C-alpha atoms as a PDB file:
ATOM      1  CA  MET A   1       0.000   0.000   0.000  1.00  0.00           C
ATOM      2  CA  ASN A   2       1.446   3.365  -1.010  1.00  0.00           C
ATOM      3  CA  ASP A   3       1.954   5.803   1.859  1.00  0.00           C
ATOM      4  CA  MET A   4       0.662   8.533  -0.459  1.00  0.00           C
ATOM      5  CA  SER A   5      -0.237   7.684  -4.028  1.00  0.00           C
ATOM      6  CA  GLU A   6       0.572  10.024  -6.901  1.00  0.00           C
ATOM      7  CA  ASP A   7      -3.104  10.955  -7.124  1.00  0.00           C
ATOM      8  CA  PHE A   8      -3.421  11.698  -3.416  1.00  0.00           C
ATOM      9  CA  SER A   9      -0.168  13.677  -3.530  1.00  0.00           C
ATOM     10  CA  TYR A  10      -1.734  15.753  -6.319  1.00  0.00           C
ATOM     11  CA  PHE A  11      -4.797  16.402  -4.120  1.00  0.00           C
ATOM     12  CA  PHE A  12      -2.559  17.226  -1.146  1.00  0.00           C
ATOM     13  CA  HIS A  13       0.081  19.391  -2.813  1.00  0.00           C
ATOM     14  CA  GLU A  14      -0.811  20.602  -6.295  1.00  0.00           C
ATOM     15  CA  MET A  15      -4.518  21.159  -5.604  1.00  0.00           C
ATOM     16  CA  GLY A  16      -3.672  22.704  -2.233  1.00  0.00           C
ATOM     17  CA  PHE A  17      -5.911  20.653   0.052  1.00  0.00           C
ATOM     18  CA  GLY A  18      -3.098  19.678   2.434  1.00  0.00           C
ATOM     19  CA  PRO A  19      -2.216  19.648   5.237  1.00  0.00           C
ATOM     20  CA  ALA A  20      -4.963  17.897   7.173  1.00  0.00           C
ATOM     21  CA  PHE A  21      -6.279  19.478  10.379  1.00  0.00           C
ATOM     22  CA  ASP A  22      -8.740  18.806  13.208  1.00  0.00           C
ATOM     23  CA  CYS A  23      -8.016  15.104  12.760  1.00  0.00           C
ATOM     24  CA  MET A  24     -10.001  12.495  14.682  1.00  0.00           C
ATOM     25  CA  PRO A  25      -8.304   9.075  15.100  1.00  0.00           C
ATOM     26  CA  VAL A  26     -10.218   6.104  13.685  1.00  0.00           C
ATOM     27  CA  SER A  27     -10.898   3.196  16.034  1.00  0.00           C
ATOM     28  CA  ASP A  28     -10.164  -0.457  15.283  1.00  0.00           C
ATOM     29  CA  GLU A  29     -13.920  -1.115  15.437  1.00  0.00           C
ATOM     30  CA  ILE A  30     -14.541   1.311  12.586  1.00  0.00           C
ATOM     31  CA  PHE A  31     -11.768  -0.204  10.486  1.00  0.00           C
ATOM     32  CA  GLU A  32     -13.269  -3.641  11.031  1.00  0.00           C
ATOM     33  CA  LYS A  33     -16.758  -2.405  10.167  1.00  0.00           C
ATOM     34  CA  TYR A  34     -15.710  -1.023   6.781  1.00  0.00           C
ATOM     35  CA  LYS A  35     -13.081  -3.563   5.788  1.00  0.00           C
ATOM     36  CA  ASN A  36     -14.112  -5.185   2.474  1.00  0.00           C
ATOM     37  CA  LYS A  37     -16.788  -2.511   2.029  1.00  0.00           C
ATOM     38  CA  LEU A  38     -14.634   0.537   1.307  1.00  0.00           C
ATOM     39  CA  PRO A  39     -11.324   0.688  -0.593  1.00  0.00           C
ATOM     40  CA  ASN A  40      -8.209  -0.375   1.275  1.00  0.00           C
ATOM     41  CA  GLN A  41      -6.598   2.860   0.135  1.00  0.00           C
ATOM     42  CA  LEU A  42      -9.281   4.896   1.917  1.00  0.00           C
ATOM     43  CA  LEU A  43      -8.770   2.899   5.109  1.00  0.00           C
ATOM     44  CA  HIS A  44      -5.047   3.575   4.738  1.00  0.00           C
ATOM     45  CA  TYR A  45      -5.696   7.332   4.606  1.00  0.00           C
ATOM     46  CA  TRP A  46      -7.988   7.011   7.611  1.00  0.00           C
ATOM     47  CA  ARG A  47      -5.189   5.289   9.537  1.00  0.00           C
ATOM     48  CA  LYS A  48      -2.642   7.914   8.491  1.00  0.00           C
ATOM     49  CA  TYR A  49      -4.769  11.057   8.905  1.00  0.00           C
ATOM     50  CA  GLY A  50      -8.001  10.078  10.647  1.00  0.00           C
ATOM     51  CA  PHE A  51     -11.288  11.766   9.816  1.00  0.00           C
ATOM     52  CA  CYS A  52     -10.233  15.332   9.148  1.00  0.00           C
ATOM     53  CA  GLY A  53     -10.515  18.648   7.371  1.00  0.00           C
ATOM     54  CA  TRP A  54      -8.700  19.579   4.172  1.00  0.00           C
ATOM     55  CA  GLY A  55      -8.263  22.853   2.342  1.00  0.00           C
ATOM     56  CA  GLU A  56      -8.768  24.894   5.520  1.00  0.00           C
ATOM     57  CA  GLY A  57     -12.133  23.175   6.028  1.00  0.00           C
ATOM     58  CA  LEU A  58     -13.506  23.280   2.493  1.00  0.00           C
ATOM     59  CA  PHE A  59     -13.455  19.456   2.252  1.00  0.00           C
ATOM     60  CA  TRP A  60     -13.733  16.783   4.971  1.00  0.00           C
ATOM     61  CA  THR A  61     -13.271  13.035   5.170  1.00  0.00           C
ATOM     62  CA  VAL A  62     -15.887  11.593   7.521  1.00  0.00           C
ATOM     63  CA  ASN A  63     -17.062   8.538   9.410  1.00  0.00           C
ATOM     64  CA  PRO A  64     -19.757   7.019   7.152  1.00  0.00           C
ATOM     65  CA  ALA A  65     -21.713   5.854  10.199  1.00  0.00           C
ATOM     66  CA  ASP A  66     -22.371   9.471  11.178  1.00  0.00           C
ATOM     67  CA  TYR A  67     -24.218   9.999   7.891  1.00  0.00           C
ATOM     68  CA  ASP A  68     -26.130   6.719   7.433  1.00  0.00           C
ATOM     69  CA  ASP A  69     -29.461   8.138   8.576  1.00  0.00           C
ATOM     70  CA  LEU A  70     -29.025  11.297   6.497  1.00  0.00           C
ATOM     71  CA  LEU A  71     -28.105   9.233   3.442  1.00  0.00           C
ATOM     72  CA  HIS A  72     -31.342   7.290   3.717  1.00  0.00           C
ATOM     73  CA  GLN A  73     -33.355  10.454   4.319  1.00  0.00           C
ATOM     74  CA  PHE A  74     -32.008  12.195   1.239  1.00  0.00           C
ATOM     75  CA  LEU A  75     -32.291   9.159  -1.054  1.00  0.00           C
ATOM     76  CA  ALA A  76     -35.533   7.693   0.289  1.00  0.00           C
ATOM     77  CA  GLN A  77     -37.616   8.960  -2.644  1.00  0.00           C
ATOM     78  CA  THR A  78     -35.180   7.611  -5.259  1.00  0.00           C
ATOM     79  CA  ASP A  79     -34.220   4.090  -6.308  1.00  0.00           C
ATOM     80  CA  LEU A  80     -30.517   4.669  -5.632  1.00  0.00           C
ATOM     81  CA  LEU A  81     -30.496   2.807  -2.307  1.00  0.00           C
ATOM     82  CA  ASP A  82     -31.560  -0.347  -4.160  1.00  0.00           C
ATOM     83  CA  GLN A  83     -28.616  -0.242  -6.572  1.00  0.00           C
ATOM     84  CA  ASP A  84     -25.707  -0.863  -4.201  1.00  0.00           C
ATOM     85  CA  GLU A  85     -24.498  -0.550  -0.606  1.00  0.00           C
ATOM     86  CA  LEU A  86     -23.835   3.158  -0.161  1.00  0.00           C
ATOM     87  CA  PHE A  87     -21.614   5.150   2.197  1.00  0.00           C
ATOM     88  CA  VAL A  88     -20.915   8.860   2.689  1.00  0.00           C
ATOM     89  CA  ILE A  89     -17.113   9.154   2.684  1.00  0.00           C
ATOM     90  CA  ALA A  90     -16.626  12.933   2.483  1.00  0.00           C
ATOM     91  CA  ARG A  91     -18.444  16.254   2.580  1.00  0.00           C
ATOM     92  CA  THR A  92     -17.858  19.935   1.886  1.00  0.00           C
ATOM     93  CA  ALA A  93     -17.992  23.019   4.089  1.00  0.00           C
ATOM     94  CA  PHE A  94     -21.502  23.654   2.727  1.00  0.00           C
ATOM     95  CA  GLY A  95     -22.826  20.160   3.455  1.00  0.00           C
ATOM     96  CA  ASP A  96     -22.559  18.482   0.048  1.00  0.00           C
ATOM     97  CA  LEU A  97     -22.149  14.733   0.627  1.00  0.00           C
ATOM     98  CA  TYR A  98     -19.936  12.470  -1.498  1.00  0.00           C
ATOM     99  CA  VAL A  99     -21.369   8.955  -1.720  1.00  0.00           C
ATOM    100  CA  TRP A 100     -19.371   5.804  -2.448  1.00  0.00           C
ATOM    101  CA  ALA A 101     -20.902   2.526  -3.625  1.00  0.00           C
ATOM    102  CA  LYS A 102     -19.343  -0.739  -2.464  1.00  0.00           C
ATOM    103  CA  ASN A 103     -19.467  -2.445  -5.872  1.00  0.00           C
ATOM    104  CA  SER A 104     -19.084   0.472  -8.255  1.00  0.00           C
ATOM    105  CA  GLY A 105     -17.068   3.213  -6.541  1.00  0.00           C
ATOM    106  CA  ARG A 106     -17.825   6.918  -6.923  1.00  0.00           C
ATOM    107  CA  PHE A 107     -21.590   7.016  -7.019  1.00  0.00           C
ATOM    108  CA  CYS A 108     -23.228  10.388  -6.498  1.00  0.00           C
ATOM    109  CA  THR A 109     -23.047  13.746  -4.774  1.00  0.00           C
ATOM    110  CA  ILE A 110     -25.939  14.959  -2.650  1.00  0.00           C
ATOM    111  CA  SER A 111     -26.482  18.720  -2.420  1.00  0.00           C
ATOM    112  CA  PRO A 112     -28.826  19.189   0.567  1.00  0.00           C
ATOM    113  CA  MET A 113     -28.988  22.969   0.105  1.00  0.00           C
ATOM    114  CA  LEU A 114     -30.379  22.509  -3.406  1.00  0.00           C
ATOM    115  CA  ASN A 115     -32.281  19.252  -2.692  1.00  0.00           C
ATOM    116  CA  LEU A 116     -30.508  17.627  -5.637  1.00  0.00           C
ATOM    117  CA  VAL A 117     -28.610  14.392  -6.212  1.00  0.00           C
ATOM    118  CA  PHE A 118     -25.927  14.470  -8.888  1.00  0.00           C
ATOM    119  CA  PRO A 119     -25.308  10.864 -10.020  1.00  0.00           C
ATOM    120  CA  ARG A 120     -22.097   9.708 -11.614  1.00  0.00           C
ATOM    121  CA  ILE A 121     -22.643   9.998 -15.343  1.00  0.00           C
ATOM    122  CA  LEU A 122     -19.960   7.726 -16.747  1.00  0.00           C
ATOM    123  CA  GLU A 123     -20.414   3.978 -16.494  1.00  0.00           C
ATOM    124  CA  GLN A 124     -17.663   2.248 -14.535  1.00  0.00           C
ATOM    125  CA  THR A 125     -15.734  -0.524 -16.290  1.00  0.00           C
ATOM    126  CA  ASN A 126     -12.979  -2.734 -14.872  1.00  0.00           C
ATOM    127  CA  PHE A 127     -13.694  -1.394 -11.407  1.00  0.00           C
ATOM    128  CA  ASP A 128     -10.597  -1.060  -9.224  1.00  0.00           C
ATOM    129  CA  PRO A 129     -11.693   0.455  -5.890  1.00  0.00           C
ATOM    130  CA  ASP A 130      -8.263   1.752  -4.830  1.00  0.00           C
ATOM    131  CA  PHE A 131      -7.608   3.368  -8.213  1.00  0.00           C
ATOM    132  CA  ASP A 132     -11.089   4.860  -8.329  1.00  0.00           C
ATOM    133  CA  LEU A 133     -10.697   6.181  -4.789  1.00  0.00           C
ATOM    134  CA  ASP A 134      -7.466   7.952  -5.657  1.00  0.00           C
ATOM    135  CA  ILE A 135      -9.071   9.447  -8.771  1.00  0.00           C
ATOM    136  CA  PHE A 136     -11.854  10.704  -6.502  1.00  0.00           C
ATOM    137  CA  PHE A 137      -9.255  12.677  -4.529  1.00  0.00           C
ATOM    138  CA  SER A 138      -7.130  13.850  -7.458  1.00  0.00           C
ATOM    139  CA  SER A 139     -10.189  15.154  -9.320  1.00  0.00           C
ATOM    140  CA  LYS A 140     -11.166  17.454  -6.447  1.00  0.00           C
ATOM    141  CA  GLU A 141     -10.865  21.161  -7.176  1.00  0.00           C
ATOM    142  CA  LYS A 142     -11.456  23.884  -4.617  1.00  0.00           C
ATOM    143  CA  GLU A 143     -13.838  25.741  -6.912  1.00  0.00           C
ATOM    144  CA  GLY A 144     -15.860  22.561  -7.343  1.00  0.00           C
ATOM    145  CA  CYS A 145     -16.297  22.241  -3.565  1.00  0.00           C
ATOM    146  CA  ASP A 146     -17.157  25.927  -3.108  1.00  0.00           C
ATOM    147  CA  LEU A 147     -20.441  27.768  -3.609  1.00  0.00           C
ATOM    148  CA  LYS A 148     -21.140  31.055  -5.368  1.00  0.00           C
ATOM    149  CA  ASP A 149     -23.420  33.824  -4.155  1.00  0.00           C
ATOM    150  CA  GLU A 150     -26.123  35.647  -6.087  1.00  0.00           C
ATOM    151  CA  LYS A 151     -23.429  37.786  -7.757  1.00  0.00           C
ATOM    152  CA  ASN A 152     -21.449  34.711  -8.862  1.00  0.00           C
ATOM    153  CA  LYS A 153     -18.688  35.268  -6.276  1.00  0.00           C
ATOM    154  CA  PHE A 154     -17.211  32.326  -4.370  1.00  0.00           C
ATOM    155  CA  LEU A 155     -18.231  32.142  -0.728  1.00  0.00           C
ATOM    156  CA  PHE A 156     -15.860  29.869   1.185  1.00  0.00           C
ATOM    157  CA  ASP A 157     -12.879  32.142   1.817  1.00  0.00           C
ATOM    158  CA  ARG A 158     -15.154  35.038   2.722  1.00  0.00           C
ATOM    159  CA  ALA A 159     -17.232  32.849   5.040  1.00  0.00           C
ATOM    160  CA  LYS A 160     -14.079  31.568   6.750  1.00  0.00           C
ATOM    161  CA  GLN A 161     -12.807  35.105   7.229  1.00  0.00           C
ATOM    162  CA  LYS A 162     -16.129  36.330   8.616  1.00  0.00           C
ATOM    163  CA  LEU A 163     -17.238  33.321  10.679  1.00  0.00           C
ATOM    164  CA  GLY A 164     -13.974  31.539  11.447  1.00  0.00           C
ATOM    165  CA  ARG A 165     -12.655  28.153  10.402  1.00  0.00           C
ATOM    166  CA  LEU A 166     -14.985  25.183  10.751  1.00  0.00           C
ATOM    167  CA  ARG A 167     -14.547  22.345  13.198  1.00  0.00           C
ATOM    168  CA  ALA A 168     -15.274  18.708  12.388  1.00  0.00           C
ATOM    169  CA  PHE A 169     -19.009  18.764  13.132  1.00  0.00           C
ATOM    170  CA  GLU A 170     -19.781  22.207  11.731  1.00  0.00           C
ATOM    171  CA  MET A 171     -20.738  23.581   8.325  1.00  0.00           C
ATOM    172  CA  TYR A 172     -21.644  26.913   6.764  1.00  0.00           C
ATOM    173  CA  GLY A 173     -25.398  26.979   6.318  1.00  0.00           C
ATOM    174  CA  PHE A 174     -27.797  29.530   4.901  1.00  0.00           C
ATOM    175  CA  VAL A 175     -30.297  30.971   7.380  1.00  0.00           C
ATOM    176  CA  PRO A 176     -33.035  31.068   6.243  1.00  0.00           C
ATOM    177  CA  ALA A 177     -32.512  27.958   4.111  1.00  0.00           C
ATOM    178  CA  ILE A 178     -32.688  28.249   0.319  1.00  0.00           C
ATOM    179  CA  ALA A 179     -35.767  25.990   0.387  1.00  0.00           C
ATOM    180  CA  LEU A 180     -37.501  28.580   2.600  1.00  0.00           C
ATOM    181  CA  GLY A 181     -36.737  31.428   0.232  1.00  0.00           C
ATOM    182  CA  GLY A 182     -33.345  32.423   1.607  1.00  0.00           C
ATOM    183  CA  LEU A 183     -30.708  33.877  -0.693  1.00  0.00           C
ATOM    184  CA  MET A 184     -27.215  32.529  -1.291  1.00  0.00           C
ATOM    185  CA  GLU A 185     -25.497  35.546   0.235  1.00  0.00           C
ATOM    186  CA  LEU A 186     -22.589  35.842   2.637  1.00  0.00           C
ATOM    187  CA  ASP A 187     -24.724  37.739   5.156  1.00  0.00           C
ATOM    188  CA  ASN A 188     -27.090  34.740   5.330  1.00  0.00           C
ATOM    189  CA  LEU A 189     -24.368  32.218   6.150  1.00  0.00           C
ATOM    190  CA  GLN A 190     -23.933  30.966   9.693  1.00  0.00           C
ATOM    191  CA  LYS A 191     -21.684  28.368  11.271  1.00  0.00           C
ATOM    192  CA  VAL A 192     -24.127  25.586  12.243  1.00  0.00           C
ATOM    193  CA  PRO A 193     -23.988  21.987  13.591  1.00  0.00           C
ATOM    194  CA  ILE A 194     -23.864  19.862  10.443  1.00  0.00           C
ATOM    195  CA  GLN A 195     -26.074  16.970  11.584  1.00  0.00           C
ATOM    196  CA  MET A 196     -28.830  19.247  12.884  1.00  0.00           C
ATOM    197  CA  HIS A 197     -28.766  21.483   9.819  1.00  0.00           C
ATOM    198  CA  LEU A 198     -28.752  18.657   7.277  1.00  0.00           C
ATOM    199  CA  ASN A 199     -31.584  16.905   9.100  1.00  0.00           C
ATOM    200  CA  MET A 200     -33.585  20.121   8.863  1.00  0.00           C
ATOM    201  CA  LEU A 201     -32.847  20.413   5.136  1.00  0.00           C
ATOM    202  CA  ALA A 202     -33.832  16.770   4.579  1.00  0.00           C
ATOM    203  CA  GLU A 203     -37.247  17.458   6.106  1.00  0.00           C
ATOM    204  CA  LEU A 204     -37.946  20.592   4.075  1.00  0.00           C
ATOM    205  CA  ASN A 205     -38.113  19.178   0.567  1.00  0.00           C
ATOM    206  CA  GLU A 206     -37.962  15.873  -1.276  1.00  0.00           C
ATOM    207  CA  THR A 207     -34.572  15.340  -2.892  1.00  0.00           C
ATOM    208  CA  VAL A 208     -34.652  14.758  -6.642  1.00  0.00           C
ATOM    209  CA  ILE A 209     -32.093  13.376  -9.076  1.00  0.00           C
ATOM    210  CA  TYR A 210     -30.557  16.009 -11.320  1.00  0.00           C
ATOM    211  CA  GLN A 211     -31.322  15.396 -14.984  1.00  0.00           C
ATOM    212  CA  PRO A 212     -28.995  17.407 -17.254  1.00  0.00           C
ATOM    213  CA  ASP A 213     -30.312  18.754 -20.544  1.00  0.00           C
ATOM    214  CA  PHE A 214     -28.121  17.341 -23.297  1.00  0.00           C
END
């Protein structure tokens, strides 16, 4: 097992997500629970870094067990839960959830603020979980994890400067929520407990699968 693959090194150094911070060690029980369900390479990164923040809190690796209930809430009205065994492996500062499928790898992204699920478009062939996991990291871009306000300006750096850096169980959430007519503006962002806020968003609206117009 590589200590840091070329792809993860790209995520860490070139894309500027390193170093990790606010790291929470992973117990042997958790490793045992997810062995043979999640890629060995991901478990290796858990052992090396723990569950932690990256990119000053823009991106976080998480304990999937903390998000099992939320995953089922957000996907309950879709057929995605029937397709594979699913796990939330990471999230953003704004609560987007990255979902991994045991038998097919990168699966979908859930955007609770927008009540949308963005499924993986490309079909997976010759599935190699460790390779796919590293591609998941190396394909991350800070702009892709960020949000823009009503004037098309990125929010994360300004939110961090105004509200302070996030801790492991916090996110930047809009108050009032977008689903309640709130605007995506810096002044409407607050630092909120992630589980409580995402549960509230899950109850507001039914999540739908994004269908791009090609």
